[in-house]
């Protein structure tokens, strides 16, 4: 603001703690535009607009896909972005609304992998081992973490069979009952992958 900028584009790495800075921008008559991530509390008087996908709708579509793909339910794990970031909360909200209404789906927990392929691979390797590969779905909240989950699945001796992309956005999934699988969620597109154990023939 001291440099006399005409506009501020803000992609918040933390959801809260922006009130004072945004009020200073307002007093200086510098418009603020939020990019992708929102702020908490969401005081729309402090910014002009927010440019972002509808993260709740994105994760709702992923959850509906999971319900359609696994009509008998299954075990799922969530790979999250950093705690406190608005998109993480929004994607959890849409996913949970759909999945919690289906008793056949069992949560194996959730853990942040900080949008990182490497962290997601490490986390999901542990999840697979601790559950004897009995994981049907992984909801990864961005493509990078989805790739990490797929790598963990493949290194566990499972083979990715197919992938499909469809708007608005998804995360990875894995399976091992009777055969393992995987898929992925992020914006603006969705990646879904499925995997299975190699044939012994």
C-alpha atoms as a PDB file:
ATOM      1  CA  UNK A   1       0.000   0.000   0.000  1.00  0.00           C
ATOM      2  CA  UNK A   2       2.891   2.374   0.733  1.00  0.00           C
ATOM      3  CA  UNK A   3       4.110   1.833  -2.835  1.00  0.00           C
ATOM      4  CA  UNK A   4       0.971   3.368  -4.330  1.00  0.00           C
ATOM      5  CA  UNK A   5      -0.452   0.289  -6.025  1.00  0.00           C
ATOM      6  CA  UNK A   6      -3.776   0.585  -7.860  1.00  0.00           C
ATOM      7  CA  UNK A   7      -5.228  -2.779  -6.835  1.00  0.00           C
ATOM      8  CA  UNK A   8      -4.361  -5.666  -4.506  1.00  0.00           C
ATOM      9  CA  UNK A   9      -4.830  -9.286  -5.589  1.00  0.00           C
ATOM     10  CA  UNK A  10      -4.870 -11.453  -2.473  1.00  0.00           C
ATOM     11  CA  UNK A  11      -4.554 -15.242  -2.368  1.00  0.00           C
ATOM     12  CA  UNK A  12      -4.580 -15.829   1.377  1.00  0.00           C
ATOM     13  CA  UNK A  13      -2.267 -18.515   2.701  1.00  0.00           C
ATOM     14  CA  UNK A  14      -4.065 -18.237   6.053  1.00  0.00           C
ATOM     15  CA  UNK A  15      -7.797 -17.785   6.356  1.00  0.00           C
ATOM     16  CA  UNK A  16      -7.870 -15.399   9.313  1.00  0.00           C
ATOM     17  CA  UNK A  17      -6.067 -12.274  10.499  1.00  0.00           C
ATOM     18  CA  UNK A  18      -6.636 -10.048   7.464  1.00  0.00           C
ATOM     19  CA  UNK A  19      -9.068  -7.493   8.916  1.00  0.00           C
ATOM     20  CA  UNK A  20      -6.523  -4.789   9.819  1.00  0.00           C
ATOM     21  CA  UNK A  21      -4.660  -5.003   6.509  1.00  0.00           C
ATOM     22  CA  UNK A  22      -7.860  -4.932   4.464  1.00  0.00           C
ATOM     23  CA  UNK A  23      -9.171  -1.965   6.434  1.00  0.00           C
ATOM     24  CA  UNK A  24      -5.933  -0.108   5.689  1.00  0.00           C
ATOM     25  CA  UNK A  25      -6.395  -0.843   1.983  1.00  0.00           C
ATOM     26  CA  UNK A  26      -9.987   0.373   2.222  1.00  0.00           C
ATOM     27  CA  UNK A  27      -8.912   3.606   3.900  1.00  0.00           C
ATOM     28  CA  UNK A  28      -6.325   4.100   1.142  1.00  0.00           C
ATOM     29  CA  UNK A  29      -9.085   3.490  -1.445  1.00  0.00           C
ATOM     30  CA  UNK A  30      -7.208   0.527  -2.909  1.00  0.00           C
ATOM     31  CA  UNK A  31      -9.603  -2.182  -4.133  1.00  0.00           C
ATOM     32  CA  UNK A  32      -8.841  -5.719  -2.973  1.00  0.00           C
ATOM     33  CA  UNK A  33      -9.731  -8.789  -5.042  1.00  0.00           C
ATOM     34  CA  UNK A  34      -9.528 -12.220  -3.415  1.00  0.00           C
ATOM     35  CA  UNK A  35      -8.069 -14.918  -5.657  1.00  0.00           C
ATOM     36  CA  UNK A  36      -9.269 -18.484  -5.022  1.00  0.00           C
ATOM     37  CA  UNK A  37      -9.148 -18.442  -1.222  1.00  0.00           C
ATOM     38  CA  UNK A  38     -11.562 -16.618   1.044  1.00  0.00           C
ATOM     39  CA  UNK A  39     -11.009 -14.988   4.418  1.00  0.00           C
ATOM     40  CA  UNK A  40     -12.491 -15.646   7.840  1.00  0.00           C
ATOM     41  CA  UNK A  41     -14.626 -14.043   9.009  1.00  0.00           C
ATOM     42  CA  UNK A  42     -15.952 -13.416   5.509  1.00  0.00           C
ATOM     43  CA  UNK A  43     -16.567  -9.659   5.674  1.00  0.00           C
ATOM     44  CA  UNK A  44     -17.420  -8.819   2.055  1.00  0.00           C
ATOM     45  CA  UNK A  45     -17.252  -5.097   2.827  1.00  0.00           C
ATOM     46  CA  UNK A  46     -13.456  -5.403   2.972  1.00  0.00           C
ATOM     47  CA  UNK A  47     -12.954  -6.577  -0.618  1.00  0.00           C
ATOM     48  CA  UNK A  48     -14.462  -5.941  -4.042  1.00  0.00           C
ATOM     49  CA  UNK A  49     -14.989  -9.520  -5.160  1.00  0.00           C
ATOM     50  CA  UNK A  50     -13.602 -13.030  -4.942  1.00  0.00           C
ATOM     51  CA  UNK A  51     -12.562 -14.965  -8.041  1.00  0.00           C
ATOM     52  CA  UNK A  52     -12.779 -18.677  -7.253  1.00  0.00           C
ATOM     53  CA  UNK A  53     -14.496 -21.913  -8.192  1.00  0.00           C
ATOM     54  CA  UNK A  54     -17.449 -23.075  -6.133  1.00  0.00           C
ATOM     55  CA  UNK A  55     -15.439 -25.410  -3.918  1.00  0.00           C
ATOM     56  CA  UNK A  56     -18.467 -26.799  -2.123  1.00  0.00           C
ATOM     57  CA  UNK A  57     -20.116 -27.680  -5.433  1.00  0.00           C
ATOM     58  CA  UNK A  58     -16.859 -29.240  -6.644  1.00  0.00           C
ATOM     59  CA  UNK A  59     -16.561 -31.558  -3.647  1.00  0.00           C
ATOM     60  CA  UNK A  60     -20.281 -32.340  -3.701  1.00  0.00           C
ATOM     61  CA  UNK A  61     -19.908 -33.586  -7.279  1.00  0.00           C
ATOM     62  CA  UNK A  62     -16.933 -35.726  -6.227  1.00  0.00           C
ATOM     63  CA  UNK A  63     -18.920 -37.238  -3.359  1.00  0.00           C
ATOM     64  CA  UNK A  64     -21.881 -37.944  -5.639  1.00  0.00           C
ATOM     65  CA  UNK A  65     -19.514 -39.645  -8.054  1.00  0.00           C
ATOM     66  CA  UNK A  66     -18.182 -41.804  -5.201  1.00  0.00           C
ATOM     67  CA  UNK A  67     -21.706 -42.801  -4.164  1.00  0.00           C
ATOM     68  CA  UNK A  68     -22.598 -43.727  -7.754  1.00  0.00           C
ATOM     69  CA  UNK A  69     -19.338 -45.602  -8.332  1.00  0.00           C
ATOM     70  CA  UNK A  70     -19.506 -47.504  -5.030  1.00  0.00           C
ATOM     71  CA  UNK A  71     -23.215 -48.271  -4.513  1.00  0.00           C
ATOM     72  CA  UNK A  72     -22.311 -50.717  -1.726  1.00  0.00           C
ATOM     73  CA  UNK A  73     -20.190 -48.103   0.044  1.00  0.00           C
ATOM     74  CA  UNK A  74     -16.593 -48.417   1.144  1.00  0.00           C
ATOM     75  CA  UNK A  75     -13.791 -47.094   3.316  1.00  0.00           C
ATOM     76  CA  UNK A  76     -12.478 -43.630   2.505  1.00  0.00           C
ATOM     77  CA  UNK A  77      -9.649 -41.328   3.510  1.00  0.00           C
ATOM     78  CA  UNK A  78      -9.318 -37.572   2.949  1.00  0.00           C
ATOM     79  CA  UNK A  79      -6.044 -35.879   1.980  1.00  0.00           C
ATOM     80  CA  UNK A  80      -6.497 -32.233   2.963  1.00  0.00           C
ATOM     81  CA  UNK A  81      -4.762 -28.971   2.225  1.00  0.00           C
ATOM     82  CA  UNK A  82      -3.303 -26.825   5.024  1.00  0.00           C
ATOM     83  CA  UNK A  83      -5.505 -26.372   8.090  1.00  0.00           C
ATOM     84  CA  UNK A  84      -7.463 -23.141   8.263  1.00  0.00           C
ATOM     85  CA  UNK A  85      -7.467 -22.414   4.515  1.00  0.00           C
ATOM     86  CA  UNK A  86     -10.962 -21.580   3.253  1.00  0.00           C
ATOM     87  CA  UNK A  87     -10.884 -23.927   0.263  1.00  0.00           C
ATOM     88  CA  UNK A  88     -10.127 -26.860   2.586  1.00  0.00           C
ATOM     89  CA  UNK A  89     -13.140 -26.058   4.746  1.00  0.00           C
ATOM     90  CA  UNK A  90     -15.380 -25.579   1.699  1.00  0.00           C
ATOM     91  CA  UNK A  91     -14.301 -28.840   0.057  1.00  0.00           C
ATOM     92  CA  UNK A  92     -14.784 -30.723   3.320  1.00  0.00           C
ATOM     93  CA  UNK A  93     -18.250 -29.229   3.690  1.00  0.00           C
ATOM     94  CA  UNK A  94     -19.502 -30.398   0.290  1.00  0.00           C
ATOM     95  CA  UNK A  95     -17.943 -33.853   0.640  1.00  0.00           C
ATOM     96  CA  UNK A  96     -19.237 -34.408   4.168  1.00  0.00           C
ATOM     97  CA  UNK A  97     -22.798 -33.356   3.374  1.00  0.00           C
ATOM     98  CA  UNK A  98     -23.146 -36.119   0.786  1.00  0.00           C
ATOM     99  CA  UNK A  99     -21.030 -38.868   2.340  1.00  0.00           C
ATOM    100  CA  UNK A 100     -22.410 -38.489   5.881  1.00  0.00           C
ATOM    101  CA  UNK A 101     -25.883 -39.223   4.506  1.00  0.00           C
ATOM    102  CA  UNK A 102     -24.672 -42.651   3.290  1.00  0.00           C
ATOM    103  CA  UNK A 103     -24.099 -45.035   6.187  1.00  0.00           C
ATOM    104  CA  UNK A 104     -22.330 -47.544   3.927  1.00  0.00           C
ATOM    105  CA  UNK A 105     -19.292 -45.259   3.741  1.00  0.00           C
ATOM    106  CA  UNK A 106     -16.787 -45.440   6.581  1.00  0.00           C
ATOM    107  CA  UNK A 107     -14.226 -42.738   7.300  1.00  0.00           C
ATOM    108  CA  UNK A 108     -10.664 -43.906   7.964  1.00  0.00           C
ATOM    109  CA  UNK A 109      -9.696 -40.370   8.905  1.00  0.00           C
ATOM    110  CA  UNK A 110      -8.128 -37.337   7.282  1.00  0.00           C
ATOM    111  CA  UNK A 111      -4.744 -35.651   7.302  1.00  0.00           C
ATOM    112  CA  UNK A 112      -3.162 -32.634   5.702  1.00  0.00           C
ATOM    113  CA  UNK A 113      -0.567 -33.203   3.016  1.00  0.00           C
ATOM    114  CA  UNK A 114      -0.140 -29.460   2.367  1.00  0.00           C
ATOM    115  CA  UNK A 115      -1.010 -29.695  -1.361  1.00  0.00           C
ATOM    116  CA  UNK A 116       2.205 -31.753  -1.792  1.00  0.00           C
ATOM    117  CA  UNK A 117       2.645 -34.864  -3.940  1.00  0.00           C
ATOM    118  CA  UNK A 118       5.483 -36.143  -1.743  1.00  0.00           C
ATOM    119  CA  UNK A 119       3.628 -35.625   1.532  1.00  0.00           C
ATOM    120  CA  UNK A 120       0.458 -37.193   0.136  1.00  0.00           C
ATOM    121  CA  UNK A 121       2.382 -40.251  -1.038  1.00  0.00           C
ATOM    122  CA  UNK A 122       3.935 -40.699   2.411  1.00  0.00           C
ATOM    123  CA  UNK A 123       0.646 -40.215   4.241  1.00  0.00           C
ATOM    124  CA  UNK A 124      -1.269 -42.570   1.983  1.00  0.00           C
ATOM    125  CA  UNK A 125       1.422 -45.256   2.129  1.00  0.00           C
ATOM    126  CA  UNK A 126       0.860 -45.315   5.890  1.00  0.00           C
ATOM    127  CA  UNK A 127      -2.924 -45.391   5.431  1.00  0.00           C
ATOM    128  CA  UNK A 128      -2.722 -48.363   3.063  1.00  0.00           C
ATOM    129  CA  UNK A 129      -0.386 -50.307   5.339  1.00  0.00           C
ATOM    130  CA  UNK A 130      -2.402 -49.636   8.494  1.00  0.00           C
ATOM    131  CA  UNK A 131      -5.618 -50.730   6.779  1.00  0.00           C
ATOM    132  CA  UNK A 132      -4.214 -53.717   4.880  1.00  0.00           C
ATOM    133  CA  UNK A 133      -5.037 -51.933   1.587  1.00  0.00           C
ATOM    134  CA  UNK A 134      -8.729 -51.976   2.495  1.00  0.00           C
ATOM    135  CA  UNK A 135      -9.364 -48.448   1.220  1.00  0.00           C
ATOM    136  CA  UNK A 136     -11.889 -47.898  -1.541  1.00  0.00           C
ATOM    137  CA  UNK A 137     -11.803 -44.104  -1.912  1.00  0.00           C
ATOM    138  CA  UNK A 138      -9.322 -41.308  -1.374  1.00  0.00           C
ATOM    139  CA  UNK A 139     -10.670 -37.774  -1.553  1.00  0.00           C
ATOM    140  CA  UNK A 140      -7.565 -35.717  -2.350  1.00  0.00           C
ATOM    141  CA  UNK A 141      -8.329 -32.027  -2.301  1.00  0.00           C
ATOM    142  CA  UNK A 142      -6.000 -31.136  -5.170  1.00  0.00           C
ATOM    143  CA  UNK A 143      -4.360 -32.869  -8.113  1.00  0.00           C
ATOM    144  CA  UNK A 144      -0.848 -32.911  -6.628  1.00  0.00           C
ATOM    145  CA  UNK A 145      -1.997 -34.846  -3.559  1.00  0.00           C
ATOM    146  CA  UNK A 146      -4.020 -37.090  -5.852  1.00  0.00           C
ATOM    147  CA  UNK A 147      -0.858 -37.937  -7.774  1.00  0.00           C
ATOM    148  CA  UNK A 148       0.873 -38.790  -4.510  1.00  0.00           C
ATOM    149  CA  UNK A 149      -1.932 -41.165  -3.554  1.00  0.00           C
ATOM    150  CA  UNK A 150      -1.740 -42.853  -6.957  1.00  0.00           C
ATOM    151  CA  UNK A 151       2.025 -43.323  -6.525  1.00  0.00           C
ATOM    152  CA  UNK A 152       1.446 -44.934  -3.128  1.00  0.00           C
ATOM    153  CA  UNK A 153      -1.185 -47.236  -4.615  1.00  0.00           C
ATOM    154  CA  UNK A 154       1.097 -48.320  -7.442  1.00  0.00           C
ATOM    155  CA  UNK A 155       4.051 -48.924  -5.133  1.00  0.00           C
ATOM    156  CA  UNK A 156       1.819 -51.067  -2.939  1.00  0.00           C
ATOM    157  CA  UNK A 157       1.558 -53.463  -5.864  1.00  0.00           C
ATOM    158  CA  UNK A 158      -1.622 -52.073  -7.350  1.00  0.00           C
ATOM    159  CA  UNK A 159      -1.909 -51.015 -10.972  1.00  0.00           C
ATOM    160  CA  UNK A 160      -3.748 -47.934 -12.186  1.00  0.00           C
ATOM    161  CA  UNK A 161      -6.295 -49.091 -14.751  1.00  0.00           C
ATOM    162  CA  UNK A 162      -8.005 -45.948 -16.045  1.00  0.00           C
ATOM    163  CA  UNK A 163      -8.375 -42.236 -15.475  1.00  0.00           C
ATOM    164  CA  UNK A 164     -11.099 -39.834 -16.507  1.00  0.00           C
ATOM    165  CA  UNK A 165     -11.366 -36.062 -16.311  1.00  0.00           C
ATOM    166  CA  UNK A 166     -14.625 -34.180 -15.875  1.00  0.00           C
ATOM    167  CA  UNK A 167     -15.581 -30.723 -14.625  1.00  0.00           C
ATOM    168  CA  UNK A 168     -15.749 -29.179 -12.192  1.00  0.00           C
ATOM    169  CA  UNK A 169     -13.027 -30.951 -10.062  1.00  0.00           C
ATOM    170  CA  UNK A 170     -11.905 -34.073  -7.922  1.00  0.00           C
ATOM    171  CA  UNK A 171      -9.238 -36.022  -5.769  1.00  0.00           C
ATOM    172  CA  UNK A 172      -7.747 -39.709  -5.740  1.00  0.00           C
ATOM    173  CA  UNK A 173      -9.249 -42.985  -4.542  1.00  0.00           C
ATOM    174  CA  UNK A 174      -7.846 -46.458  -3.865  1.00  0.00           C
ATOM    175  CA  UNK A 175      -9.328 -49.892  -3.432  1.00  0.00           C
ATOM    176  CA  UNK A 176      -8.525 -53.363  -2.175  1.00  0.00           C
ATOM    177  CA  UNK A 177     -11.828 -55.119  -1.542  1.00  0.00           C
ATOM    178  CA  UNK A 178     -11.955 -57.228  -3.623  1.00  0.00           C
ATOM    179  CA  UNK A 179      -9.447 -55.246  -5.696  1.00  0.00           C
ATOM    180  CA  UNK A 180      -7.786 -51.863  -4.941  1.00  0.00           C
ATOM    181  CA  UNK A 181      -8.725 -48.493  -6.614  1.00  0.00           C
ATOM    182  CA  UNK A 182      -8.006 -44.660  -6.674  1.00  0.00           C
ATOM    183  CA  UNK A 183      -9.341 -41.048  -7.829  1.00  0.00           C
ATOM    184  CA  UNK A 184      -8.560 -37.127  -7.454  1.00  0.00           C
ATOM    185  CA  UNK A 185     -10.342 -33.576  -6.803  1.00  0.00           C
ATOM    186  CA  UNK A 186      -9.169 -30.035  -7.604  1.00  0.00           C
ATOM    187  CA  UNK A 187     -10.292 -27.082  -9.626  1.00  0.00           C
ATOM    188  CA  UNK A 188     -11.293 -26.404 -12.316  1.00  0.00           C
ATOM    189  CA  UNK A 189     -11.114 -30.004 -13.568  1.00  0.00           C
ATOM    190  CA  UNK A 190     -11.590 -33.383 -11.919  1.00  0.00           C
ATOM    191  CA  UNK A 191      -9.274 -36.377 -12.093  1.00  0.00           C
ATOM    192  CA  UNK A 192     -10.503 -39.821 -11.191  1.00  0.00           C
ATOM    193  CA  UNK A 193      -8.306 -42.907 -11.366  1.00  0.00           C
ATOM    194  CA  UNK A 194      -9.009 -46.539 -10.647  1.00  0.00           C
ATOM    195  CA  UNK A 195      -6.476 -49.234  -9.779  1.00  0.00           C
ATOM    196  CA  UNK A 196      -6.464 -52.973  -9.214  1.00  0.00           C
ATOM    197  CA  UNK A 197      -4.091 -55.756  -8.254  1.00  0.00           C
ATOM    198  CA  UNK A 198      -2.137 -57.172 -11.207  1.00  0.00           C
ATOM    199  CA  UNK A 199      -3.378 -60.491 -12.555  1.00  0.00           C
ATOM    200  CA  UNK A 200      -1.370 -63.505 -11.373  1.00  0.00           C
ATOM    201  CA  UNK A 201      -1.866 -65.337 -14.675  1.00  0.00           C
END
